[in-house]
Amino acid sequence: MPMIHLTAPIGVLTDQSRTQVRASLSATLLRWEGAPDTAFFRSLAWVRIDEVPAESFGSVEDDLPRFRVDVTVPEGALSERRKAGLVGDVTAEVSAAAGLDASDVLRVWVLIHEQPEGTWGAGGAVIRFADLRAAAAGARAGS
């Protein structure tokens, strides 16, 4: 049940790049979590893109666009290696969508928020990471 929330300045993303980054961020998050690529798990990986006025989001030093990516995952879903891979891939995907080059990557921040066990609910019930892991294992075994 991962979520990605991208905050970007208005006008930086095109309609096409917004659509592409929405899909790629979802797929990337599931891949680094180790979830199977199924319709069920894709439906649980939510992406929210908020575009805000450029003057309300950025540095006082310059007018260059900044990007914040908040990633929320169940606690324990990502090892240190997986976190590093996720941050690298998300940075590359947002940079590509925004037309940034390698010298601009420090303008993309990725913040990983681990939701403590027992504090994530859906469908009127608390969702446990162990249940998600079992569902993923079952989906992999069935494919």
N, C-alpha and C. Protein backbone atom coordinates (compact mmCIF):
# COMPACT_ATOMS: atom_id res chain seq x y z
N MET A 1 0.83 -1.18 0.00
CA MET A 1 0.00 0.00 0.00
C MET A 1 0.87 1.25 0.00
N PRO A 2 1.82 1.30 -0.91
CA PRO A 2 2.71 2.45 -0.93
C PRO A 2 2.05 3.66 -1.59
N MET A 3 2.56 4.83 -1.22
CA MET A 3 2.08 6.07 -1.83
C MET A 3 3.27 6.96 -2.16
N ILE A 4 3.16 7.65 -3.28
CA ILE A 4 4.15 8.65 -3.66
C ILE A 4 3.42 9.95 -3.90
N HIS A 5 3.97 11.02 -3.33
CA HIS A 5 3.39 12.35 -3.46
C HIS A 5 4.49 13.26 -4.03
N LEU A 6 4.32 13.68 -5.28
CA LEU A 6 5.27 14.55 -5.94
C LEU A 6 4.74 15.97 -5.90
N THR A 7 5.54 16.89 -5.38
CA THR A 7 5.23 18.31 -5.41
C THR A 7 6.17 18.97 -6.41
N ALA A 8 5.58 19.70 -7.36
CA ALA A 8 6.37 20.33 -8.42
C ALA A 8 5.77 21.69 -8.74
N PRO A 9 6.58 22.60 -9.28
CA PRO A 9 6.05 23.89 -9.68
C PRO A 9 5.11 23.76 -10.88
N ILE A 10 4.08 24.57 -10.90
CA ILE A 10 3.15 24.60 -12.03
C ILE A 10 3.93 24.93 -13.30
N GLY A 11 3.59 24.24 -14.37
CA GLY A 11 4.16 24.55 -15.68
C GLY A 11 5.43 23.82 -16.03
N VAL A 12 6.02 23.11 -15.10
CA VAL A 12 7.27 22.41 -15.39
C VAL A 12 6.98 21.07 -16.08
N LEU A 13 5.96 20.37 -15.64
CA LEU A 13 5.59 19.09 -16.24
C LEU A 13 4.59 19.32 -17.37
N THR A 14 4.81 18.64 -18.48
CA THR A 14 3.82 18.65 -19.56
C THR A 14 2.76 17.61 -19.25
N ASP A 15 1.66 17.63 -19.98
CA ASP A 15 0.64 16.60 -19.79
C ASP A 15 1.24 15.22 -19.99
N GLN A 16 2.06 15.08 -21.03
CA GLN A 16 2.67 13.79 -21.33
C GLN A 16 3.65 13.37 -20.24
N SER A 17 4.51 14.28 -19.79
CA SER A 17 5.49 13.90 -18.77
C SER A 17 4.81 13.62 -17.43
N ARG A 18 3.72 14.31 -17.14
CA ARG A 18 2.96 14.05 -15.91
C ARG A 18 2.39 12.63 -15.93
N THR A 19 1.82 12.25 -17.06
CA THR A 19 1.26 10.90 -17.20
C THR A 19 2.35 9.85 -17.10
N GLN A 20 3.48 10.10 -17.76
CA GLN A 20 4.58 9.13 -17.75
C GLN A 20 5.19 8.98 -16.36
N VAL A 21 5.41 10.10 -15.67
CA VAL A 21 6.06 10.00 -14.36
C VAL A 21 5.11 9.36 -13.34
N ARG A 22 3.84 9.59 -13.50
CA ARG A 22 2.87 8.95 -12.59
C ARG A 22 2.96 7.43 -12.70
N ALA A 23 3.02 6.93 -13.92
CA ALA A 23 3.12 5.49 -14.13
C ALA A 23 4.49 4.95 -13.70
N SER A 24 5.54 5.66 -14.03
CA SER A 24 6.88 5.15 -13.72
C SER A 24 7.15 5.16 -12.22
N LEU A 25 6.69 6.20 -11.52
CA LEU A 25 6.90 6.23 -10.07
C LEU A 25 6.20 5.07 -9.37
N SER A 26 5.00 4.78 -9.81
CA SER A 26 4.25 3.67 -9.24
C SER A 26 4.99 2.35 -9.45
N ALA A 27 5.41 2.11 -10.68
CA ALA A 27 6.11 0.86 -11.00
C ALA A 27 7.44 0.76 -10.25
N THR A 28 8.15 1.87 -10.16
CA THR A 28 9.43 1.87 -9.46
C THR A 28 9.27 1.56 -7.99
N LEU A 29 8.28 2.16 -7.36
CA LEU A 29 8.05 1.91 -5.94
C LEU A 29 7.72 0.44 -5.70
N LEU A 30 6.85 -0.13 -6.51
CA LEU A 30 6.51 -1.54 -6.33
C LEU A 30 7.73 -2.44 -6.55
N ARG A 31 8.53 -2.12 -7.56
CA ARG A 31 9.72 -2.93 -7.84
C ARG A 31 10.67 -2.91 -6.64
N TRP A 32 10.94 -1.72 -6.07
CA TRP A 32 11.87 -1.65 -4.94
C TRP A 32 11.28 -2.24 -3.68
N GLU A 33 9.96 -2.27 -3.55
CA GLU A 33 9.34 -2.95 -2.41
C GLU A 33 9.37 -4.47 -2.58
N GLY A 34 9.58 -4.92 -3.80
CA GLY A 34 9.59 -6.35 -4.07
C GLY A 34 8.19 -6.90 -4.30
N ALA A 35 7.25 -6.02 -4.62
CA ALA A 35 5.87 -6.46 -4.87
C ALA A 35 5.75 -6.96 -6.30
N PRO A 36 4.89 -7.92 -6.54
CA PRO A 36 4.70 -8.42 -7.90
C PRO A 36 4.01 -7.38 -8.78
N ASP A 37 4.28 -7.45 -10.07
CA ASP A 37 3.67 -6.53 -11.03
C ASP A 37 2.33 -7.11 -11.48
N THR A 38 1.33 -6.93 -10.62
CA THR A 38 -0.02 -7.41 -10.93
C THR A 38 -0.99 -6.23 -10.83
N ALA A 39 -2.14 -6.40 -11.43
CA ALA A 39 -3.15 -5.33 -11.37
C ALA A 39 -3.51 -5.01 -9.92
N PHE A 40 -3.59 -6.02 -9.07
CA PHE A 40 -3.94 -5.80 -7.67
C PHE A 40 -2.92 -4.89 -6.99
N PHE A 41 -1.64 -5.23 -7.10
CA PHE A 41 -0.62 -4.42 -6.43
C PHE A 41 -0.47 -3.05 -7.09
N ARG A 42 -0.61 -2.98 -8.42
CA ARG A 42 -0.56 -1.66 -9.07
C ARG A 42 -1.70 -0.77 -8.58
N SER A 43 -2.86 -1.37 -8.28
CA SER A 43 -3.99 -0.57 -7.82
C SER A 43 -3.77 -0.02 -6.41
N LEU A 44 -2.83 -0.62 -5.66
CA LEU A 44 -2.54 -0.18 -4.30
C LEU A 44 -1.42 0.85 -4.24
N ALA A 45 -0.71 1.04 -5.33
CA ALA A 45 0.41 1.99 -5.38
C ALA A 45 -0.14 3.32 -5.90
N TRP A 46 -0.40 4.23 -5.01
CA TRP A 46 -1.00 5.51 -5.38
C TRP A 46 0.08 6.56 -5.62
N VAL A 47 -0.18 7.40 -6.61
CA VAL A 47 0.70 8.52 -6.91
C VAL A 47 -0.15 9.78 -6.94
N ARG A 48 0.29 10.78 -6.21
CA ARG A 48 -0.39 12.08 -6.21
C ARG A 48 0.62 13.13 -6.67
N ILE A 49 0.22 13.91 -7.65
CA ILE A 49 1.08 14.98 -8.15
C ILE A 49 0.39 16.30 -7.85
N ASP A 50 1.04 17.10 -7.03
CA ASP A 50 0.54 18.44 -6.71
C ASP A 50 1.45 19.46 -7.37
N GLU A 51 0.84 20.31 -8.17
CA GLU A 51 1.60 21.38 -8.80
C GLU A 51 1.22 22.68 -8.10
N VAL A 52 2.23 23.38 -7.65
CA VAL A 52 2.04 24.57 -6.84
C VAL A 52 2.68 25.77 -7.54
N PRO A 53 2.23 26.97 -7.21
CA PRO A 53 2.85 28.16 -7.82
C PRO A 53 4.36 28.17 -7.57
N ALA A 54 5.11 28.46 -8.61
CA ALA A 54 6.57 28.43 -8.53
C ALA A 54 7.10 29.34 -7.42
N GLU A 55 6.45 30.48 -7.22
CA GLU A 55 6.94 31.41 -6.21
C GLU A 55 6.67 30.93 -4.79
N SER A 56 5.88 29.89 -4.63
CA SER A 56 5.58 29.39 -3.29
C SER A 56 6.37 28.13 -2.93
N PHE A 57 7.23 27.69 -3.84
CA PHE A 57 7.95 26.44 -3.60
C PHE A 57 9.32 26.52 -4.25
N GLY A 58 10.36 26.61 -3.46
CA GLY A 58 11.70 26.66 -4.01
C GLY A 58 12.67 27.30 -3.07
N SER A 59 13.77 27.72 -3.62
CA SER A 59 14.85 28.33 -2.84
C SER A 59 14.79 29.84 -2.96
N VAL A 60 15.22 30.53 -1.91
CA VAL A 60 15.30 31.99 -1.97
C VAL A 60 16.53 32.42 -2.77
N GLU A 61 17.41 31.48 -3.06
CA GLU A 61 18.65 31.78 -3.76
C GLU A 61 18.47 31.97 -5.26
N ASP A 62 17.49 31.26 -5.85
CA ASP A 62 17.28 31.36 -7.30
C ASP A 62 15.84 30.97 -7.62
N ASP A 63 15.48 31.05 -8.88
CA ASP A 63 14.12 30.73 -9.33
C ASP A 63 14.04 29.36 -10.00
N LEU A 64 15.03 28.53 -9.84
CA LEU A 64 15.03 27.21 -10.47
C LEU A 64 13.99 26.32 -9.80
N PRO A 65 13.31 25.50 -10.58
CA PRO A 65 12.28 24.63 -10.00
C PRO A 65 12.86 23.58 -9.06
N ARG A 66 12.11 23.30 -8.00
CA ARG A 66 12.48 22.27 -7.03
C ARG A 66 11.36 21.23 -7.02
N PHE A 67 11.72 20.01 -6.61
CA PHE A 67 10.77 18.89 -6.60
C PHE A 67 10.93 18.13 -5.30
N ARG A 68 9.81 17.84 -4.69
CA ARG A 68 9.81 17.06 -3.44
C ARG A 68 8.98 15.82 -3.70
N VAL A 69 9.56 14.68 -3.37
CA VAL A 69 8.87 13.41 -3.54
C VAL A 69 8.78 12.75 -2.17
N ASP A 70 7.57 12.64 -1.65
CA ASP A 70 7.34 11.96 -0.37
C ASP A 70 6.86 10.55 -0.68
N VAL A 71 7.58 9.59 -0.17
CA VAL A 71 7.26 8.18 -0.38
C VAL A 71 6.84 7.59 0.96
N THR A 72 5.65 7.04 1.04
CA THR A 72 5.17 6.42 2.27
C THR A 72 5.03 4.92 2.03
N VAL A 73 5.70 4.16 2.88
CA VAL A 73 5.68 2.70 2.78
C VAL A 73 5.47 2.11 4.17
N PRO A 74 5.01 0.86 4.23
CA PRO A 74 4.92 0.21 5.55
C PRO A 74 6.32 0.06 6.15
N GLU A 75 6.40 0.23 7.45
CA GLU A 75 7.67 0.06 8.14
C GLU A 75 8.22 -1.34 7.85
N GLY A 76 9.49 -1.41 7.48
CA GLY A 76 10.13 -2.69 7.20
C GLY A 76 10.05 -3.11 5.75
N ALA A 77 9.37 -2.35 4.91
CA ALA A 77 9.20 -2.73 3.51
C ALA A 77 10.47 -2.52 2.69
N LEU A 78 11.33 -1.60 3.13
CA LEU A 78 12.52 -1.27 2.35
C LEU A 78 13.78 -1.42 3.18
N SER A 79 14.70 -2.23 2.70
CA SER A 79 16.03 -2.33 3.32
C SER A 79 16.81 -1.06 2.94
N GLU A 80 17.97 -0.89 3.52
CA GLU A 80 18.81 0.27 3.16
C GLU A 80 19.16 0.24 1.67
N ARG A 81 19.46 -0.94 1.14
CA ARG A 81 19.77 -1.09 -0.29
C ARG A 81 18.57 -0.69 -1.14
N ARG A 82 17.40 -1.13 -0.75
CA ARG A 82 16.19 -0.81 -1.51
C ARG A 82 15.87 0.69 -1.43
N LYS A 83 16.09 1.28 -0.27
CA LYS A 83 15.88 2.73 -0.13
C LYS A 83 16.79 3.50 -1.08
N ALA A 84 18.07 3.11 -1.10
CA ALA A 84 19.03 3.78 -1.97
C ALA A 84 18.64 3.63 -3.44
N GLY A 85 18.23 2.44 -3.83
CA GLY A 85 17.79 2.21 -5.21
C GLY A 85 16.56 3.01 -5.56
N LEU A 86 15.62 3.05 -4.64
CA LEU A 86 14.39 3.81 -4.85
C LEU A 86 14.69 5.30 -5.01
N VAL A 87 15.52 5.84 -4.13
CA VAL A 87 15.86 7.27 -4.20
C VAL A 87 16.55 7.58 -5.54
N GLY A 88 17.47 6.74 -5.95
CA GLY A 88 18.17 6.96 -7.23
C GLY A 88 17.23 6.92 -8.41
N ASP A 89 16.37 5.91 -8.46
CA ASP A 89 15.45 5.77 -9.58
C ASP A 89 14.40 6.88 -9.61
N VAL A 90 13.84 7.21 -8.45
CA VAL A 90 12.83 8.28 -8.39
C VAL A 90 13.45 9.61 -8.82
N THR A 91 14.66 9.87 -8.35
CA THR A 91 15.34 11.11 -8.75
C THR A 91 15.51 11.16 -10.26
N ALA A 92 15.93 10.05 -10.86
CA ALA A 92 16.13 10.00 -12.31
C ALA A 92 14.81 10.19 -13.06
N GLU A 93 13.74 9.58 -12.56
CA GLU A 93 12.45 9.68 -13.25
C GLU A 93 11.87 11.09 -13.16
N VAL A 94 11.94 11.71 -12.01
CA VAL A 94 11.44 13.08 -11.86
C VAL A 94 12.30 14.03 -12.69
N SER A 95 13.60 13.83 -12.66
CA SER A 95 14.50 14.66 -13.46
C SER A 95 14.18 14.57 -14.94
N ALA A 96 13.95 13.36 -15.42
CA ALA A 96 13.61 13.17 -16.83
C ALA A 96 12.27 13.83 -17.17
N ALA A 97 11.29 13.67 -16.30
CA ALA A 97 9.97 14.25 -16.55
C ALA A 97 10.02 15.77 -16.58
N ALA A 98 10.93 16.36 -15.79
CA ALA A 98 11.03 17.81 -15.70
C ALA A 98 12.07 18.38 -16.66
N GLY A 99 12.76 17.52 -17.40
CA GLY A 99 13.77 17.99 -18.33
C GLY A 99 15.04 18.48 -17.66
N LEU A 100 15.35 17.93 -16.49
CA LEU A 100 16.57 18.31 -15.77
C LEU A 100 17.74 17.46 -16.25
N ASP A 101 18.94 18.00 -16.11
CA ASP A 101 20.11 17.19 -16.44
C ASP A 101 20.84 16.78 -15.15
N ALA A 102 21.93 16.07 -15.31
CA ALA A 102 22.63 15.50 -14.15
C ALA A 102 23.08 16.56 -13.15
N SER A 103 23.34 17.77 -13.61
CA SER A 103 23.77 18.81 -12.67
C SER A 103 22.62 19.36 -11.83
N ASP A 104 21.39 18.96 -12.15
CA ASP A 104 20.21 19.48 -11.45
C ASP A 104 19.65 18.54 -10.39
N VAL A 105 20.26 17.38 -10.19
CA VAL A 105 19.63 16.36 -9.34
C VAL A 105 19.46 16.79 -7.88
N LEU A 106 20.23 17.75 -7.41
CA LEU A 106 20.05 18.20 -6.03
C LEU A 106 18.77 19.01 -5.86
N ARG A 107 18.07 19.28 -6.96
CA ARG A 107 16.78 19.96 -6.86
C ARG A 107 15.63 18.98 -6.74
N VAL A 108 15.94 17.70 -6.68
CA VAL A 108 14.93 16.66 -6.46
C VAL A 108 15.23 16.01 -5.11
N TRP A 109 14.31 16.20 -4.18
CA TRP A 109 14.47 15.59 -2.86
C TRP A 109 13.47 14.45 -2.73
N VAL A 110 13.93 13.33 -2.20
CA VAL A 110 13.08 12.16 -1.98
C VAL A 110 13.09 11.88 -0.47
N LEU A 111 11.92 11.93 0.13
CA LEU A 111 11.78 11.70 1.56
C LEU A 111 10.98 10.41 1.76
N ILE A 112 11.58 9.46 2.43
CA ILE A 112 10.90 8.18 2.67
C ILE A 112 10.31 8.20 4.08
N HIS A 113 9.02 7.95 4.13
CA HIS A 113 8.29 7.90 5.41
C HIS A 113 7.84 6.47 5.64
N GLU A 114 8.31 5.87 6.72
CA GLU A 114 7.90 4.51 7.04
C GLU A 114 6.74 4.57 8.03
N GLN A 115 5.62 4.03 7.60
CA GLN A 115 4.41 4.03 8.41
C GLN A 115 4.49 2.88 9.42
N PRO A 116 4.46 3.19 10.72
CA PRO A 116 4.59 2.14 11.73
C PRO A 116 3.50 1.06 11.60
N GLU A 117 3.89 -0.15 11.93
CA GLU A 117 2.96 -1.29 11.89
C GLU A 117 1.72 -0.98 12.71
N GLY A 118 0.57 -1.29 12.16
CA GLY A 118 -0.69 -1.09 12.85
C GLY A 118 -1.28 0.30 12.69
N THR A 119 -0.63 1.15 11.88
CA THR A 119 -1.14 2.52 11.72
C THR A 119 -1.59 2.82 10.29
N TRP A 120 -1.75 1.80 9.48
CA TRP A 120 -2.21 1.97 8.10
C TRP A 120 -3.48 1.17 7.94
N GLY A 121 -4.53 1.82 7.50
CA GLY A 121 -5.79 1.13 7.33
C GLY A 121 -6.36 1.34 5.94
N ALA A 122 -7.13 0.39 5.48
CA ALA A 122 -7.84 0.49 4.20
C ALA A 122 -9.02 -0.47 4.25
N GLY A 123 -10.07 -0.09 3.59
CA GLY A 123 -11.24 -0.96 3.54
C GLY A 123 -11.85 -1.20 4.91
N GLY A 124 -11.64 -0.27 5.83
CA GLY A 124 -12.21 -0.39 7.16
C GLY A 124 -11.44 -1.28 8.10
N ALA A 125 -10.21 -1.67 7.70
CA ALA A 125 -9.42 -2.57 8.56
C ALA A 125 -7.97 -2.09 8.60
N VAL A 126 -7.28 -2.45 9.65
CA VAL A 126 -5.85 -2.18 9.75
C VAL A 126 -5.13 -3.17 8.83
N ILE A 127 -4.22 -2.65 8.03
CA ILE A 127 -3.44 -3.47 7.11
C ILE A 127 -2.08 -3.73 7.74
N ARG A 128 -1.70 -4.96 7.83
CA ARG A 128 -0.42 -5.36 8.42
C ARG A 128 0.56 -5.70 7.30
N PHE A 129 1.82 -5.31 7.50
CA PHE A 129 2.84 -5.58 6.49
C PHE A 129 2.98 -7.07 6.24
N ALA A 130 2.88 -7.87 7.27
CA ALA A 130 2.98 -9.33 7.10
C ALA A 130 1.90 -9.84 6.15
N ASP A 131 0.70 -9.26 6.22
CA ASP A 131 -0.38 -9.67 5.32
C ASP A 131 -0.07 -9.28 3.88
N LEU A 132 0.51 -8.08 3.70
CA LEU A 132 0.89 -7.66 2.35
C LEU A 132 2.00 -8.55 1.80
N ARG A 133 2.95 -8.87 2.64
CA ARG A 133 4.06 -9.74 2.21
C ARG A 133 3.52 -11.12 1.82
N ALA A 134 2.59 -11.65 2.58
CA ALA A 134 1.99 -12.95 2.25
C ALA A 134 1.21 -12.88 0.94
N ALA A 135 0.48 -11.79 0.73
CA ALA A 135 -0.26 -11.64 -0.51
C ALA A 135 0.70 -11.56 -1.71
N ALA A 136 1.81 -10.85 -1.53
CA ALA A 136 2.80 -10.75 -2.60
C ALA A 136 3.42 -12.11 -2.90
N ALA A 137 3.73 -12.86 -1.86
CA ALA A 137 4.30 -14.19 -2.06
C ALA A 137 3.31 -15.09 -2.79
N GLY A 138 2.05 -15.01 -2.41
CA GLY A 138 1.01 -15.79 -3.07
C GLY A 138 0.86 -15.41 -4.53
N ALA A 139 0.94 -14.11 -4.82
CA ALA A 139 0.82 -13.65 -6.21
C ALA A 139 2.00 -14.13 -7.05
N ARG A 140 3.21 -14.11 -6.44
CA ARG A 140 4.39 -14.58 -7.18
C ARG A 140 4.31 -16.09 -7.43
N ALA A 141 3.81 -16.84 -6.45
CA ALA A 141 3.71 -18.29 -6.58
C ALA A 141 2.66 -18.67 -7.63
N GLY A 142 1.63 -17.83 -7.77
CA GLY A 142 0.57 -18.12 -8.72
C GLY A 142 0.89 -17.71 -10.14
N SER A 143 2.01 -16.99 -10.34
CA SER A 143 2.32 -16.54 -11.71
C SER A 143 3.23 -17.47 -12.45
